């Protein structure tokens, strides 16, 4: 849990993913299209990936990826992020966290 919190707080936008996850790809693409450059942590490529995956589940992220943090705060998984995007609040959250400027 500590490693997840540490990594999540190092950058304005952080996404925990797996390289084979299509929803992870979609969320990363959405962030890039909004102008953000999130830190990406591929759990299947990280030696601590399984431990981080358990920690993400403990935070309530099920499925465990994608897990999105903005401003060091857990936002949710793909369903939550898409809902925030549709209602227009995702972009404002990214602005408030200084992940995007416009």
N, C-alpha and C. Protein backbone atom coordinates (compact mmCIF):
# COMPACT_ATOMS: atom_id res chain seq x y z
N UNK A 1 0.83 -1.19 0.00
CA UNK A 1 0.00 0.00 0.00
C UNK A 1 0.87 1.25 0.00
N UNK A 2 1.95 1.23 0.77
CA UNK A 2 2.83 2.40 0.84
C UNK A 2 3.45 2.72 -0.52
N UNK A 3 3.85 1.68 -1.26
CA UNK A 3 4.45 1.91 -2.57
C UNK A 3 3.45 2.56 -3.53
N UNK A 4 2.20 2.09 -3.50
CA UNK A 4 1.16 2.67 -4.35
C UNK A 4 0.97 4.14 -3.98
N UNK A 5 0.83 4.43 -2.71
CA UNK A 5 0.62 5.83 -2.28
C UNK A 5 1.82 6.71 -2.65
N UNK A 6 3.02 6.17 -2.49
CA UNK A 6 4.23 6.93 -2.83
C UNK A 6 4.26 7.26 -4.32
N UNK A 7 4.03 6.24 -5.16
CA UNK A 7 4.04 6.46 -6.61
C UNK A 7 2.91 7.38 -7.04
N UNK A 8 1.75 7.23 -6.40
CA UNK A 8 0.58 8.03 -6.77
C UNK A 8 0.77 9.51 -6.44
N UNK A 9 1.65 9.81 -5.51
CA UNK A 9 1.83 11.20 -5.10
C UNK A 9 2.99 11.90 -5.81
N UNK A 10 3.72 11.17 -6.66
CA UNK A 10 4.91 11.75 -7.30
C UNK A 10 4.61 12.63 -8.51
N UNK A 11 3.42 12.49 -9.08
CA UNK A 11 3.07 13.25 -10.27
C UNK A 11 1.59 13.63 -10.18
N UNK A 12 1.20 14.68 -10.91
CA UNK A 12 -0.18 15.17 -10.83
C UNK A 12 -1.20 14.13 -11.28
N UNK A 13 -0.85 13.31 -12.26
CA UNK A 13 -1.75 12.26 -12.74
C UNK A 13 -0.94 10.96 -12.83
N UNK A 14 -1.50 9.91 -12.26
CA UNK A 14 -0.83 8.61 -12.23
C UNK A 14 -1.84 7.53 -12.59
N UNK A 15 -1.42 6.63 -13.48
CA UNK A 15 -2.30 5.53 -13.87
C UNK A 15 -1.54 4.22 -13.68
N UNK A 16 -2.13 3.31 -12.93
CA UNK A 16 -1.59 1.96 -12.78
C UNK A 16 -2.31 1.09 -13.80
N UNK A 17 -1.54 0.38 -14.63
CA UNK A 17 -2.11 -0.37 -15.75
C UNK A 17 -1.45 -1.74 -15.87
N UNK A 18 -1.92 -2.47 -16.85
CA UNK A 18 -1.24 -3.68 -17.33
C UNK A 18 -1.11 -3.53 -18.84
N UNK A 19 -0.01 -4.01 -19.38
CA UNK A 19 0.26 -3.80 -20.79
C UNK A 19 -0.74 -4.48 -21.71
N UNK A 20 -1.42 -5.51 -21.24
CA UNK A 20 -2.37 -6.24 -22.09
C UNK A 20 -3.82 -5.78 -21.91
N UNK A 21 -4.05 -4.76 -21.12
CA UNK A 21 -5.41 -4.33 -20.77
C UNK A 21 -5.91 -3.27 -21.76
N UNK A 22 -6.99 -3.58 -22.47
CA UNK A 22 -7.50 -2.63 -23.46
C UNK A 22 -8.13 -1.40 -22.81
N UNK A 23 -8.76 -1.53 -21.66
CA UNK A 23 -9.33 -0.37 -20.98
C UNK A 23 -8.22 0.54 -20.46
N UNK A 24 -7.11 -0.05 -20.05
CA UNK A 24 -5.96 0.74 -19.62
C UNK A 24 -5.46 1.61 -20.78
N UNK A 25 -5.38 1.00 -21.94
CA UNK A 25 -4.96 1.73 -23.14
C UNK A 25 -5.91 2.89 -23.42
N UNK A 26 -7.21 2.63 -23.29
CA UNK A 26 -8.21 3.66 -23.56
C UNK A 26 -8.09 4.83 -22.58
N UNK A 27 -7.87 4.53 -21.32
CA UNK A 27 -7.75 5.59 -20.31
C UNK A 27 -6.47 6.39 -20.53
N UNK A 28 -5.37 5.71 -20.84
CA UNK A 28 -4.12 6.42 -21.13
C UNK A 28 -4.32 7.34 -22.33
N UNK A 29 -4.96 6.85 -23.37
CA UNK A 29 -5.21 7.65 -24.58
C UNK A 29 -6.08 8.87 -24.25
N UNK A 30 -7.10 8.68 -23.44
CA UNK A 30 -7.95 9.80 -23.03
C UNK A 30 -7.13 10.89 -22.34
N UNK A 31 -6.27 10.49 -21.42
CA UNK A 31 -5.44 11.47 -20.71
C UNK A 31 -4.51 12.21 -21.67
N UNK A 32 -3.90 11.47 -22.60
CA UNK A 32 -3.02 12.11 -23.58
C UNK A 32 -3.81 13.09 -24.45
N UNK A 33 -5.01 12.71 -24.85
CA UNK A 33 -5.83 13.59 -25.69
C UNK A 33 -6.27 14.85 -24.95
N UNK A 34 -6.39 14.75 -23.63
CA UNK A 34 -6.74 15.92 -22.82
C UNK A 34 -5.52 16.80 -22.54
N UNK A 35 -4.34 16.34 -22.96
CA UNK A 35 -3.13 17.13 -22.79
C UNK A 35 -2.31 16.77 -21.57
N UNK A 36 -2.69 15.74 -20.86
CA UNK A 36 -1.96 15.32 -19.66
C UNK A 36 -0.85 14.34 -20.04
N UNK A 37 0.17 14.29 -19.23
CA UNK A 37 1.24 13.32 -19.38
C UNK A 37 1.37 12.54 -18.08
N UNK A 38 0.47 11.59 -17.87
CA UNK A 38 0.46 10.89 -16.59
C UNK A 38 1.66 9.95 -16.44
N UNK A 39 2.02 9.71 -15.19
CA UNK A 39 2.99 8.65 -14.91
C UNK A 39 2.24 7.33 -15.09
N UNK A 40 2.84 6.44 -15.84
CA UNK A 40 2.22 5.14 -16.11
C UNK A 40 3.04 4.06 -15.41
N UNK A 41 2.37 3.24 -14.62
CA UNK A 41 3.03 2.13 -13.94
C UNK A 41 2.39 0.83 -14.40
N UNK A 42 3.11 0.08 -15.21
CA UNK A 42 2.62 -1.19 -15.76
C UNK A 42 2.88 -2.29 -14.72
N UNK A 43 1.83 -2.74 -14.08
CA UNK A 43 1.98 -3.71 -12.99
C UNK A 43 2.56 -5.03 -13.46
N UNK A 44 2.28 -5.41 -14.69
CA UNK A 44 2.82 -6.69 -15.19
C UNK A 44 4.28 -6.57 -15.60
N UNK A 45 4.84 -5.37 -15.55
CA UNK A 45 6.25 -5.15 -15.88
C UNK A 45 7.07 -4.79 -14.64
N UNK A 46 6.41 -4.61 -13.51
CA UNK A 46 7.06 -4.17 -12.28
C UNK A 46 7.28 -5.36 -11.35
N UNK A 47 8.48 -5.50 -10.77
CA UNK A 47 8.72 -6.62 -9.87
C UNK A 47 7.80 -6.62 -8.63
N UNK A 48 7.26 -5.45 -8.26
CA UNK A 48 6.33 -5.35 -7.13
C UNK A 48 4.88 -5.29 -7.60
N UNK A 49 4.65 -5.62 -8.85
CA UNK A 49 3.33 -5.47 -9.45
C UNK A 49 2.22 -6.22 -8.74
N UNK A 50 2.48 -7.45 -8.34
CA UNK A 50 1.42 -8.23 -7.66
C UNK A 50 1.05 -7.61 -6.32
N UNK A 51 2.05 -7.13 -5.59
CA UNK A 51 1.78 -6.47 -4.32
C UNK A 51 0.99 -5.19 -4.53
N UNK A 52 1.36 -4.43 -5.55
CA UNK A 52 0.64 -3.19 -5.84
C UNK A 52 -0.80 -3.48 -6.28
N UNK A 53 -0.97 -4.56 -7.03
CA UNK A 53 -2.31 -4.94 -7.46
C UNK A 53 -3.19 -5.26 -6.26
N UNK A 54 -2.65 -5.97 -5.28
CA UNK A 54 -3.41 -6.27 -4.05
C UNK A 54 -3.74 -4.97 -3.30
N UNK A 55 -2.79 -4.06 -3.25
CA UNK A 55 -3.03 -2.78 -2.57
C UNK A 55 -4.13 -1.98 -3.27
N UNK A 56 -4.14 -2.00 -4.59
CA UNK A 56 -5.18 -1.29 -5.34
C UNK A 56 -6.55 -1.90 -5.08
N UNK A 57 -6.61 -3.22 -5.01
CA UNK A 57 -7.89 -3.87 -4.68
C UNK A 57 -8.35 -3.47 -3.28
N UNK A 58 -7.40 -3.36 -2.35
CA UNK A 58 -7.73 -2.95 -0.99
C UNK A 58 -8.29 -1.53 -0.95
N UNK A 59 -7.86 -0.69 -1.91
CA UNK A 59 -8.39 0.67 -2.01
C UNK A 59 -9.79 0.70 -2.62
N UNK A 60 -10.23 -0.43 -3.16
CA UNK A 60 -11.56 -0.51 -3.75
C UNK A 60 -11.57 -0.54 -5.25
N UNK A 61 -10.43 -0.69 -5.87
CA UNK A 61 -10.35 -0.73 -7.32
C UNK A 61 -10.51 -2.18 -7.78
N UNK A 62 -11.69 -2.50 -8.30
CA UNK A 62 -11.94 -3.86 -8.77
C UNK A 62 -12.69 -3.76 -10.09
N UNK A 63 -12.10 -4.09 -11.21
CA UNK A 63 -10.79 -4.72 -11.35
C UNK A 63 -9.68 -3.76 -10.93
N UNK A 64 -8.53 -4.32 -10.68
CA UNK A 64 -7.42 -3.53 -10.11
C UNK A 64 -6.83 -2.52 -11.09
N UNK A 65 -7.00 -2.72 -12.37
CA UNK A 65 -6.49 -1.78 -13.37
C UNK A 65 -7.55 -1.49 -14.41
N UNK A 66 -7.55 -0.30 -14.99
CA UNK A 66 -6.69 0.81 -14.64
C UNK A 66 -7.11 1.43 -13.31
N UNK A 67 -6.14 1.90 -12.57
CA UNK A 67 -6.39 2.63 -11.33
C UNK A 67 -5.81 4.02 -11.51
N UNK A 68 -6.64 5.03 -11.36
CA UNK A 68 -6.25 6.40 -11.67
C UNK A 68 -6.19 7.25 -10.40
N UNK A 69 -5.10 7.98 -10.28
CA UNK A 69 -4.91 8.94 -9.19
C UNK A 69 -4.68 10.31 -9.82
N UNK A 70 -5.34 11.31 -9.29
CA UNK A 70 -5.15 12.69 -9.73
C UNK A 70 -4.88 13.53 -8.49
N UNK A 71 -3.77 14.25 -8.51
CA UNK A 71 -3.40 15.04 -7.35
C UNK A 71 -3.14 14.20 -6.12
N UNK A 72 -2.68 12.96 -6.33
CA UNK A 72 -2.40 12.06 -5.22
C UNK A 72 -3.63 11.39 -4.63
N UNK A 73 -4.80 11.68 -5.17
CA UNK A 73 -6.05 11.13 -4.66
C UNK A 73 -6.58 10.04 -5.60
N UNK A 74 -7.02 8.93 -5.04
CA UNK A 74 -7.58 7.85 -5.84
C UNK A 74 -8.90 8.29 -6.44
N UNK A 75 -8.97 8.25 -7.78
CA UNK A 75 -10.17 8.66 -8.50
C UNK A 75 -11.05 7.46 -8.83
N UNK A 76 -10.44 6.35 -9.20
CA UNK A 76 -11.20 5.16 -9.53
C UNK A 76 -10.63 4.43 -10.72
N UNK A 77 -11.46 3.58 -11.29
CA UNK A 77 -11.05 2.80 -12.45
C UNK A 77 -11.67 3.39 -13.71
N UNK A 78 -11.65 2.64 -14.78
CA UNK A 78 -12.10 3.17 -16.08
C UNK A 78 -13.53 3.68 -16.04
N UNK A 79 -14.42 2.95 -15.40
CA UNK A 79 -15.82 3.37 -15.33
C UNK A 79 -15.95 4.73 -14.66
N UNK A 80 -15.21 4.93 -13.57
CA UNK A 80 -15.27 6.20 -12.84
C UNK A 80 -14.69 7.34 -13.68
N UNK A 81 -13.56 7.07 -14.33
CA UNK A 81 -12.90 8.11 -15.13
C UNK A 81 -13.76 8.50 -16.33
N UNK A 82 -14.36 7.52 -16.97
CA UNK A 82 -15.23 7.83 -18.11
C UNK A 82 -16.44 8.65 -17.66
N UNK A 83 -17.02 8.31 -16.51
CA UNK A 83 -18.14 9.09 -15.98
C UNK A 83 -17.73 10.53 -15.71
N UNK A 84 -16.55 10.71 -15.12
CA UNK A 84 -16.05 12.06 -14.86
C UNK A 84 -15.81 12.83 -16.15
N UNK A 85 -15.33 12.14 -17.17
CA UNK A 85 -15.10 12.78 -18.46
C UNK A 85 -16.42 13.20 -19.11
N UNK A 86 -17.40 12.32 -19.06
CA UNK A 86 -18.69 12.61 -19.68
C UNK A 86 -19.37 13.80 -19.00
N UNK A 87 -19.28 13.89 -17.68
CA UNK A 87 -19.94 15.01 -17.01
C UNK A 87 -19.08 16.28 -16.97
N UNK A 88 -17.87 16.21 -17.55
CA UNK A 88 -17.03 17.39 -17.69
C UNK A 88 -16.11 17.69 -16.53
N UNK A 89 -16.14 16.88 -15.48
CA UNK A 89 -15.33 17.21 -14.31
C UNK A 89 -13.91 16.66 -14.37
N UNK A 90 -13.63 15.71 -15.24
CA UNK A 90 -12.28 15.15 -15.32
C UNK A 90 -11.28 16.23 -15.72
N UNK A 91 -11.61 16.99 -16.72
CA UNK A 91 -10.69 18.03 -17.19
C UNK A 91 -10.41 19.05 -16.08
N UNK A 92 -11.44 19.42 -15.34
CA UNK A 92 -11.25 20.37 -14.24
C UNK A 92 -10.37 19.77 -13.14
N UNK A 93 -10.56 18.49 -12.86
CA UNK A 93 -9.72 17.82 -11.86
C UNK A 93 -8.25 17.84 -12.29
N UNK A 94 -8.02 17.60 -13.58
CA UNK A 94 -6.65 17.63 -14.11
C UNK A 94 -6.07 19.04 -14.04
N UNK A 95 -6.89 20.05 -14.30
CA UNK A 95 -6.44 21.44 -14.18
C UNK A 95 -6.10 21.77 -12.73
N UNK A 96 -6.99 21.40 -11.82
CA UNK A 96 -6.77 21.70 -10.40
C UNK A 96 -5.51 21.05 -9.86
N UNK A 97 -5.18 19.87 -10.39
CA UNK A 97 -3.98 19.15 -9.94
C UNK A 97 -2.73 19.60 -10.70
N UNK A 98 -2.90 20.54 -11.64
CA UNK A 98 -1.80 21.05 -12.47
C UNK A 98 -1.25 19.99 -13.42
N UNK A 99 -2.10 19.03 -13.81
CA UNK A 99 -1.73 18.03 -14.79
C UNK A 99 -1.88 18.57 -16.21
N UNK A 100 -2.78 19.55 -16.37
CA UNK A 100 -2.94 20.27 -17.63
C UNK A 100 -3.12 21.74 -17.27
N UNK A 101 -2.86 22.61 -18.23
CA UNK A 101 -2.93 24.04 -17.94
C UNK A 101 -4.08 24.74 -18.66
N UNK A 102 -4.74 24.09 -19.58
CA UNK A 102 -5.74 24.79 -20.39
C UNK A 102 -7.10 24.18 -20.25
